[in-house]
Amino acid sequence: MKTILYATDCTKNDASALKYIYRFSCIMKADLHIIHVYDLPPVSVSVVHRSEILKQNVNLELKKVVINYCKEHLKHEYTDNGINIHAVEHASVENGIVDLSKKLSPDLVVIGIKDQNSHRGIFSSNIANALLDKIEIPIMMVPNGLIYTSISTIIYATDFEKEDILPIKKLIEIVRPFKALIEIVHIYRTDTTTAKEKMERFKEVFLEQISYKEITFRTVASTKVKSGLLSVIDNENASMLAMLERKHHLNFDNIFHKDLVKDLEDSIAVPILAFHKGSKAVENMLPV
């Protein structure tokens, strides 16, 4: 991983996400780019000839705001060489992130999960869903108040699709520096042997393509996917939840879709890492 793009609204509630991703980027030895998207009010006709100068001044001032925000919350960890600051004018937060992503081609985009006290309330699952529709880059959603600790266990929620293989390869690339355990988990609603049989076939296909020692496979019965995943995360003291973004096709068994991210938003206490199902970046990944 070479480049990480983190979007912030520069509020106090977002500070923990900043500290989390800064320390994460240091471990990954990745360049960290921080973007703050803002929208200027309409400029009156009388000052239109000065609009470009005004825009430049506002942009410079907001870059200073982001720098001071980083200094305030990162304290002694902050270095001028370790962070790249971007203040981007755009009416749409997600489109501002998309535009910069096209220029930087980051390996990971990070946003904070919406806090109830956020005055703008923009960094939420709706932003994540919009980004998943527009960019083919893994997206990490970091809960407010999260304190960074070394990543030890990651839960990957699978629905036994062949498209799961490549995101798991990417996940291995991400967690390899931490030597973290990856638990491949399937939540099923009925107590039958079908899920276990599917998991065994999935495991067999997976191990033919991927060699990573710290990996396990399991099935868990639960009446609801959300409660099942939260239970696994809690019992395993997991550091992160990862999943492949799946659009909902009204299929009872196709239970891992983008609405699940929104459903988990208010309850989950660890980062969610979502992979785009049709991502060319994922498809082009080399075998591990």
Protein backbone atom coordinates (compact mmCIF):
# COMPACT_ATOMS: atom_id res chain seq x y z
CA MET A 1 0.00 0.00 0.00
CA LYS A 2 1.50 3.30 -1.14
CA THR A 3 -1.19 5.97 -0.79
CA ILE A 4 -4.08 6.56 1.64
CA LEU A 5 -6.70 9.30 1.22
CA TYR A 6 -8.54 10.40 4.36
CA ALA A 7 -11.54 12.77 4.29
CA THR A 8 -12.28 14.93 7.32
CA ASP A 9 -14.73 17.64 8.33
CA CYS A 10 -12.19 18.95 10.89
CA THR A 11 -14.53 18.56 13.87
CA LYS A 12 -13.58 17.37 17.34
CA ASN A 13 -15.67 14.24 16.83
CA ASP A 14 -13.55 13.31 13.81
CA ALA A 15 -10.22 13.65 15.64
CA SER A 16 -10.02 10.01 16.74
CA ALA A 17 -10.39 8.88 13.12
CA LEU A 18 -7.52 11.21 12.18
CA LYS A 19 -5.25 9.70 14.85
CA TYR A 20 -6.27 6.18 13.89
CA ILE A 21 -5.51 6.54 10.18
CA TYR A 22 -2.31 8.51 10.80
CA ARG A 23 -0.87 5.70 12.92
CA PHE A 24 -2.20 3.12 10.47
CA SER A 25 -0.46 4.90 7.57
CA CYS A 26 2.81 5.00 9.52
CA ILE A 27 2.72 1.24 10.04
CA MET A 28 1.89 0.74 6.36
CA LYS A 29 4.63 3.23 5.36
CA ALA A 30 2.09 4.85 3.07
CA ASP A 31 1.75 8.47 1.99
CA LEU A 32 -1.21 10.01 3.81
CA HIS A 33 -3.31 12.59 1.96
CA ILE A 34 -5.95 14.47 3.93
CA ILE A 35 -8.85 16.12 2.11
CA HIS A 36 -11.33 18.67 3.43
CA VAL A 37 -14.22 19.40 1.05
CA TYR A 38 -15.92 22.78 1.33
CA ASP A 39 -18.57 24.70 -0.59
CA LEU A 40 -18.37 28.45 -1.18
CA PRO A 41 -21.56 30.56 -1.20
CA PRO A 42 -22.53 32.22 -4.51
CA VAL A 43 -20.46 35.33 -5.36
CA SER A 44 -22.41 38.49 -6.14
CA VAL A 45 -22.05 40.14 -9.56
CA SER A 46 -20.39 43.19 -8.05
CA VAL A 47 -17.39 41.18 -6.93
CA VAL A 48 -17.29 38.57 -9.67
CA HIS A 49 -14.06 40.00 -11.07
CA ARG A 50 -12.41 39.26 -7.73
CA SER A 51 -13.92 35.82 -7.31
CA GLU A 52 -10.78 33.88 -8.28
CA ILE A 53 -8.67 35.81 -5.79
CA LEU A 54 -11.29 35.23 -3.11
CA LYS A 55 -11.37 31.51 -3.90
CA GLN A 56 -7.59 31.27 -3.70
CA ASN A 57 -7.54 33.06 -0.36
CA VAL A 58 -10.28 30.83 1.06
CA ASN A 59 -8.49 27.72 -0.17
CA LEU A 60 -5.22 28.78 1.47
CA GLU A 61 -7.01 29.62 4.72
CA LEU A 62 -8.79 26.26 4.82
CA LYS A 63 -5.53 24.41 4.18
CA LYS A 64 -4.15 26.21 7.24
CA VAL A 65 -7.24 25.14 9.18
CA VAL A 66 -6.61 21.49 8.27
CA ILE A 67 -2.90 21.78 9.14
CA ASN A 68 -3.71 23.34 12.53
CA TYR A 69 -6.35 20.67 13.10
CA CYS A 70 -3.74 17.95 12.49
CA LYS A 71 -1.20 19.67 14.73
CA GLU A 72 -3.74 20.08 17.53
CA HIS A 73 -4.87 16.46 17.58
CA LEU A 74 -1.71 14.61 16.50
CA LYS A 75 0.46 16.77 18.76
CA HIS A 76 4.08 15.52 18.80
CA GLU A 77 3.30 12.86 16.18
CA TYR A 78 2.68 15.51 13.52
CA THR A 79 5.42 16.11 10.94
CA ASP A 80 5.31 18.45 7.94
CA ASN A 81 6.68 15.71 5.69
CA GLY A 82 4.27 13.00 6.78
CA ILE A 83 0.98 14.51 5.60
CA ASN A 84 -0.27 16.01 2.34
CA ILE A 85 -3.12 18.52 2.78
CA HIS A 86 -5.88 19.16 0.24
CA ALA A 87 -8.71 21.71 0.56
CA VAL A 88 -11.15 21.03 -2.27
CA GLU A 89 -14.06 23.25 -3.26
CA HIS A 90 -17.10 21.21 -4.29
CA ALA A 91 -20.84 21.31 -3.66
CA SER A 92 -20.81 17.54 -3.12
CA VAL A 93 -18.55 15.97 -0.49
CA GLU A 94 -18.43 12.57 -2.20
CA ASN A 95 -17.73 14.10 -5.63
CA GLY A 96 -14.91 16.17 -4.17
CA ILE A 97 -13.39 12.96 -2.80
CA VAL A 98 -13.95 11.19 -6.13
CA ASP A 99 -12.23 13.96 -8.10
CA LEU A 100 -9.12 13.88 -5.91
CA SER A 101 -9.12 10.07 -5.96
CA LYS A 102 -8.89 10.16 -9.76
CA LYS A 103 -5.77 12.33 -9.49
CA LEU A 104 -4.05 10.44 -6.67
CA SER A 105 -5.16 6.84 -7.40
CA PRO A 106 -5.00 5.92 -3.68
CA ASP A 107 -4.96 2.33 -2.47
CA LEU A 108 -7.46 3.14 0.30
CA VAL A 109 -10.04 5.86 0.99
CA VAL A 110 -10.92 6.51 4.64
CA ILE A 111 -13.91 8.36 6.10
CA GLY A 112 -15.28 8.71 9.61
CA ILE A 113 -18.62 7.17 10.53
CA LYS A 114 -21.21 9.87 11.26
CA ASP A 115 -21.54 10.99 14.85
CA GLN A 116 -24.92 12.11 16.16
CA ASN A 117 -23.34 15.37 17.35
CA SER A 118 -21.73 16.19 13.99
CA HIS A 119 -23.05 19.55 12.78
CA ARG A 120 -22.89 18.52 9.12
CA GLY A 121 -23.49 14.81 9.51
CA ILE A 122 -21.79 14.08 6.18
CA PHE A 123 -19.42 11.25 6.96
CA SER A 124 -21.92 8.45 7.20
CA SER A 125 -23.00 5.34 5.38
CA ASN A 126 -24.71 7.39 2.67
CA ILE A 127 -21.33 8.91 1.78
CA ALA A 128 -19.74 5.45 1.85
CA ASN A 129 -22.48 4.05 -0.39
CA ALA A 130 -22.13 6.96 -2.80
CA LEU A 131 -18.37 6.41 -2.98
CA LEU A 132 -18.80 2.66 -3.53
CA ASP A 133 -20.96 3.51 -6.54
CA LYS A 134 -18.41 5.93 -7.97
CA ILE A 135 -14.90 4.63 -7.22
CA GLU A 136 -13.34 1.19 -7.33
CA ILE A 137 -11.11 1.68 -4.30
CA PRO A 138 -11.45 -0.05 -0.91
CA ILE A 139 -13.18 2.23 1.60
CA MET A 140 -12.52 2.16 5.33
CA MET A 141 -15.11 3.64 7.72
CA VAL A 142 -13.71 4.53 11.15
CA PRO A 143 -16.06 4.98 14.16
CA ASN A 144 -15.73 8.15 16.20
CA GLY A 145 -14.02 7.68 19.53
CA LEU A 146 -11.96 4.74 18.33
CA ILE A 147 -8.54 4.43 19.97
CA TYR A 148 -5.88 2.92 17.72
CA THR A 149 -4.36 -0.38 18.80
CA SER A 150 -2.34 -2.82 16.77
CA ILE A 151 -4.51 -4.80 14.36
CA SER A 152 -4.66 -8.40 15.55
CA THR A 153 -7.87 -10.02 14.23
CA ILE A 154 -9.98 -9.13 11.17
CA ILE A 155 -13.40 -10.61 10.49
CA TYR A 156 -14.17 -11.04 6.78
CA ALA A 157 -17.89 -11.61 6.17
CA THR A 158 -18.40 -13.93 3.21
CA ASP A 159 -21.42 -15.09 1.22
CA PHE A 160 -19.36 -17.75 -0.63
CA GLU A 161 -18.99 -15.75 -3.85
CA LYS A 162 -15.99 -16.26 -6.12
CA GLU A 163 -15.53 -12.47 -6.05
CA ASP A 164 -14.54 -12.80 -2.37
CA ILE A 165 -11.15 -14.29 -3.26
CA LEU A 166 -9.55 -11.16 -4.66
CA PRO A 167 -10.63 -8.78 -1.85
CA ILE A 168 -9.25 -11.27 0.66
CA LYS A 169 -5.94 -11.15 -1.24
CA LYS A 170 -5.99 -7.38 -0.88
CA LEU A 171 -6.89 -7.73 2.80
CA ILE A 172 -3.87 -9.97 3.30
CA GLU A 173 -1.67 -7.28 1.76
CA ILE A 174 -3.09 -4.77 4.23
CA VAL A 175 -2.76 -6.90 7.37
CA ARG A 176 0.52 -8.66 6.58
CA PRO A 177 2.64 -5.98 8.37
CA PHE A 178 0.57 -6.66 11.50
CA LYS A 179 0.74 -10.47 11.14
CA ALA A 180 -2.96 -10.35 11.91
CA LEU A 181 -5.38 -13.26 12.00
CA ILE A 182 -8.10 -13.23 9.33
CA GLU A 183 -11.30 -15.05 10.23
CA ILE A 184 -13.50 -15.86 7.22
CA VAL A 185 -17.03 -15.91 8.65
CA HIS A 186 -20.42 -16.72 7.15
CA ILE A 187 -23.59 -15.87 9.09
CA TYR A 188 -26.53 -18.14 8.24
CA ARG A 189 -30.12 -17.99 9.40
CA THR A 190 -31.20 -21.61 9.42
CA ASP A 191 -29.54 -24.40 11.37
CA THR A 192 -28.72 -26.76 8.50
CA THR A 193 -25.53 -28.36 7.20
CA THR A 194 -25.73 -26.39 3.94
CA ALA A 195 -23.69 -23.43 5.20
CA LYS A 196 -20.95 -25.68 6.59
CA GLU A 197 -20.74 -27.64 3.34
CA LYS A 198 -20.49 -24.43 1.33
CA MET A 199 -17.78 -23.15 3.66
CA GLU A 200 -15.73 -26.32 3.17
CA ARG A 201 -15.95 -25.95 -0.63
CA PHE A 202 -15.10 -22.26 -0.36
CA LYS A 203 -12.13 -23.03 1.88
CA GLU A 204 -10.84 -25.65 -0.56
CA VAL A 205 -11.00 -23.26 -3.52
CA PHE A 206 -9.50 -20.46 -1.44
CA LEU A 207 -6.49 -22.46 -0.20
CA GLU A 208 -5.68 -23.51 -3.76
CA GLN A 209 -5.07 -19.87 -4.65
CA ILE A 210 -3.84 -18.23 -1.46
CA SER A 211 -1.17 -19.10 1.06
CA TYR A 212 -1.47 -17.23 4.36
CA LYS A 213 -0.92 -19.08 7.63
CA GLU A 214 -2.97 -16.83 9.90
CA ILE A 215 -6.42 -17.56 8.51
CA THR A 216 -9.46 -19.51 9.75
CA PHE A 217 -12.92 -20.40 8.39
CA ARG A 218 -16.17 -20.69 10.33
CA THR A 219 -19.95 -20.52 10.06
CA VAL A 220 -22.20 -18.91 12.66
CA ALA A 221 -25.97 -19.34 13.04
CA SER A 222 -27.91 -16.19 13.85
CA THR A 223 -31.43 -14.91 13.28
CA LYS A 224 -29.98 -11.63 11.97
CA VAL A 225 -26.76 -10.91 10.11
CA LYS A 226 -26.10 -7.72 12.07
CA SER A 227 -26.36 -9.32 15.51
CA GLY A 228 -24.38 -12.34 14.33
CA LEU A 229 -21.49 -10.22 13.08
CA LEU A 230 -21.49 -7.99 16.16
CA SER A 231 -21.39 -11.08 18.35
CA VAL A 232 -18.41 -12.52 16.47
CA ILE A 233 -16.58 -9.19 16.58
CA ASP A 234 -17.17 -8.92 20.32
CA ASN A 235 -16.28 -12.53 21.15
CA GLU A 236 -13.10 -12.47 19.08
CA ASN A 237 -12.12 -8.97 20.20
CA ALA A 238 -11.71 -8.19 16.49
CA SER A 239 -9.88 -5.10 15.25
CA MET A 240 -11.78 -4.70 11.98
CA LEU A 241 -14.69 -5.97 9.88
CA ALA A 242 -14.17 -6.43 6.14
CA MET A 243 -16.71 -7.29 3.47
CA LEU A 244 -17.38 -7.19 -0.24
CA GLU A 245 -19.95 -4.57 -1.26
CA ARG A 246 -22.98 -6.33 -2.67
CA LYS A 247 -26.03 -4.70 -4.18
CA HIS A 248 -29.32 -6.08 -2.90
CA HIS A 249 -31.04 -8.28 -5.49
CA LEU A 250 -34.02 -9.31 -3.32
CA ASN A 251 -32.41 -12.70 -2.86
CA PHE A 252 -32.96 -14.05 0.66
CA ASP A 253 -29.49 -15.60 0.74
CA ASN A 254 -27.74 -12.52 -0.62
CA ILE A 255 -27.57 -10.87 2.77
CA PHE A 256 -24.29 -8.95 2.60
CA HIS A 257 -25.14 -5.78 0.73
CA LYS A 258 -24.62 -2.05 1.12
CA ASP A 259 -27.63 -1.61 3.41
CA LEU A 260 -25.77 -3.71 5.97
CA VAL A 261 -23.10 -1.01 6.28
CA LYS A 262 -25.81 1.52 7.13
CA ASP A 263 -27.38 -0.91 9.57
CA LEU A 264 -24.06 -1.45 11.36
CA GLU A 265 -23.17 2.23 11.49
CA ASP A 266 -24.72 3.03 14.86
CA SER A 267 -23.57 -0.17 16.57
CA ILE A 268 -20.10 -1.16 15.43
CA ALA A 269 -17.05 -0.13 17.43
CA VAL A 270 -14.36 -1.18 14.93
CA PRO A 271 -13.53 0.04 11.40
CA ILE A 272 -15.45 -1.39 8.45
CA LEU A 273 -13.43 -2.09 5.30
CA ALA A 274 -15.63 -2.36 2.20
CA PHE A 275 -14.41 -3.62 -1.18
CA HIS A 276 -16.11 -2.75 -4.46
CA LYS A 277 -17.46 -5.90 -6.09
CA GLY A 278 -16.61 -4.87 -9.65
CA SER A 279 -13.32 -3.19 -8.85
CA LYS A 280 -10.73 -3.36 -11.61
CA ALA A 281 -8.11 -2.63 -8.96
CA VAL A 282 -9.20 -5.75 -7.12
CA GLU A 283 -9.34 -7.79 -10.33
CA ASN A 284 -5.80 -6.77 -11.21
CA MET A 285 -4.34 -7.88 -7.88
CA LEU A 286 -1.51 -10.35 -8.06
CA PRO A 287 -1.87 -13.68 -6.23
CA VAL A 288 -0.41 -13.69 -2.74
